[in-house]
Protein backbone atom coordinates (compact mmCIF):
# COMPACT_ATOMS: atom_id res chain seq x y z
CA ILE A 1 11.27 8.90 -12.26
CA GLU A 2 13.71 9.20 -9.37
CA LEU A 3 12.81 10.88 -6.08
CA ILE A 4 15.06 11.78 -3.15
CA ARG A 5 13.25 11.38 0.15
CA GLY A 6 12.83 14.62 2.06
CA GLU A 7 13.39 16.77 -1.04
CA LYS A 8 11.04 18.42 -3.50
CA GLY A 9 9.09 15.89 -5.54
CA ALA A 10 9.14 15.17 -9.25
CA THR A 11 6.69 16.72 -11.70
CA PHE A 12 5.62 15.20 -14.99
CA GLU A 13 2.78 15.63 -17.45
CA ILE A 14 0.37 13.27 -19.17
CA SER A 15 -1.10 14.61 -22.42
CA VAL A 16 -4.44 13.31 -23.62
CA THR A 17 -6.04 13.62 -27.05
CA PRO A 18 -8.80 11.78 -28.92
CA LYS A 19 -7.29 9.39 -31.47
CA TYR A 20 -10.23 9.12 -33.85
CA ILE A 21 -11.90 11.68 -36.14
CA ASN A 22 -15.29 12.97 -34.93
CA THR A 23 -14.69 11.85 -31.34
CA THR A 24 -14.55 13.78 -28.09
CA LEU A 25 -13.25 12.76 -24.68
CA GLU A 26 -15.32 13.95 -21.70
CA ASP A 27 -15.21 13.87 -17.90
CA LEU A 28 -11.62 12.66 -17.67
CA ILE A 29 -9.99 11.92 -14.33
CA ILE A 30 -6.81 10.12 -13.30
CA ASP A 31 -6.78 7.47 -10.60
CA LEU A 32 -3.49 6.25 -9.15
CA LEU A 33 -2.69 2.67 -8.28
CA ASN A 34 0.32 1.18 -6.41
CA PHE A 35 1.52 4.38 -4.69
CA PRO A 36 0.31 6.20 -1.53
CA LYS A 37 -2.19 8.81 -2.78
CA GLN A 38 -1.36 11.31 -0.04
CA TYR A 39 2.01 11.89 -1.75
CA VAL A 40 0.55 12.70 -5.17
CA GLU A 41 -1.09 15.87 -6.51
CA ILE A 42 -2.90 16.06 -9.86
CA TYR A 43 -3.74 19.31 -11.69
CA PRO A 44 -6.42 19.79 -12.83
CA ASN A 45 -8.58 17.33 -10.89
CA SER A 46 -10.53 16.60 -14.06
CA ILE A 47 -10.83 17.65 -17.70
CA ASP A 48 -14.37 18.32 -18.91
CA LYS A 49 -13.93 17.95 -22.67
CA ILE A 50 -11.26 17.39 -25.32
CA LYS A 51 -12.33 17.61 -28.96
CA TYR A 52 -10.59 15.78 -31.80
CA GLY A 53 -7.42 17.69 -32.70
CA GLU A 54 -7.03 19.19 -29.21
CA ILE A 55 -4.51 18.14 -26.58
CA LYS A 56 -4.96 18.75 -22.87
CA THR A 57 -2.55 17.89 -20.10
CA PHE A 58 -2.65 16.62 -16.55
CA LYS A 59 0.27 17.76 -14.37
CA ILE A 60 1.28 15.22 -11.72
CA VAL A 61 3.51 15.95 -8.73
CA VAL A 62 4.90 12.95 -6.83
CA ASN A 63 6.61 13.31 -3.45
CA ALA A 64 8.61 10.71 -1.55
CA PRO A 65 7.55 9.82 1.98
CA ILE A 66 10.23 11.07 4.41
CA TYR A 67 10.49 7.63 6.04
CA SER A 68 11.26 5.80 2.79
CA SER A 69 14.49 4.02 2.15
CA TYR A 70 15.34 2.81 -1.35
CA GLU A 71 12.11 1.58 -2.90
CA GLU A 72 10.69 1.06 -6.35
CA TYR A 73 7.04 1.50 -7.25
CA ASN A 74 5.33 0.66 -10.50
CA LEU A 75 2.88 3.56 -10.47
CA THR A 76 -0.15 2.90 -12.64
CA LEU A 77 -2.15 5.87 -13.90
CA LEU A 78 -5.70 4.96 -14.81
CA ILE A 79 -7.34 7.56 -17.03
CA LYS A 80 -11.12 7.27 -16.85
CA GLY A 81 -13.79 9.10 -18.80
CA ASN A 82 -16.18 8.92 -21.72
CA LEU A 83 -15.56 8.68 -25.45
CA ILE A 84 -18.26 10.40 -27.48
CA ASP A 85 -18.54 9.26 -31.09
CA GLY A 86 -20.08 12.05 -33.19
CA LYS A 87 -20.60 9.75 -36.19
CA LYS A 88 -22.88 7.42 -34.25
CA GLY A 89 -25.30 10.01 -32.94
CA LYS A 90 -23.18 11.00 -29.95
CA GLN A 91 -22.89 7.46 -28.64
CA LYS A 92 -21.13 7.49 -25.26
CA VAL A 93 -18.62 4.77 -24.31
CA LYS A 94 -16.80 4.56 -20.95
CA ILE A 95 -13.03 4.38 -21.32
CA ASN A 96 -10.21 3.20 -19.07
CA LEU A 97 -6.67 3.87 -20.31
CA MET A 98 -3.64 2.70 -18.33
CA GLU A 99 -0.11 4.09 -18.25
CA SER A 100 2.69 2.69 -16.07
CA ILE A 101 5.58 4.69 -14.66
CA LEU A 102 8.47 3.34 -12.58
CA ILE A 103 9.29 5.46 -9.52
CA ARG A 104 12.53 4.98 -7.58
CA ILE A 105 12.91 6.53 -4.14
CA LYS A 106 16.43 7.10 -2.88
CA SER A 107 17.83 8.68 0.24
CA LYS A 108 20.25 11.62 0.28
CA GLN A 109 22.99 9.50 1.82
CA LYS A 110 24.88 7.11 -0.41
CA ASN A 111 25.15 4.42 2.27
CA GLU A 112 21.35 3.87 2.62
């Protein structure tokens, strides 16, 4: 993802779905690592439940700090929640899924 400092940020989506039959994902949130959190917005803040066969999406808006020169960040999205296995009597397992995204911040001027 490329951002131009001082301009409107970039928006992208992360879709989440249970991979296994008879499972449900619950209480999902996204935590961000390696990027200033005050420049990131996540919608919705959390997802209560996703049943097998459903897909739900987090929308993420990333803005560049106005003071930034050319920089690269390896933004890590940590998706946290619970996996409920319906086959095993609703056994609950905490999950942590990681996704990495490279963010490049550039200035408007070509000489910076």
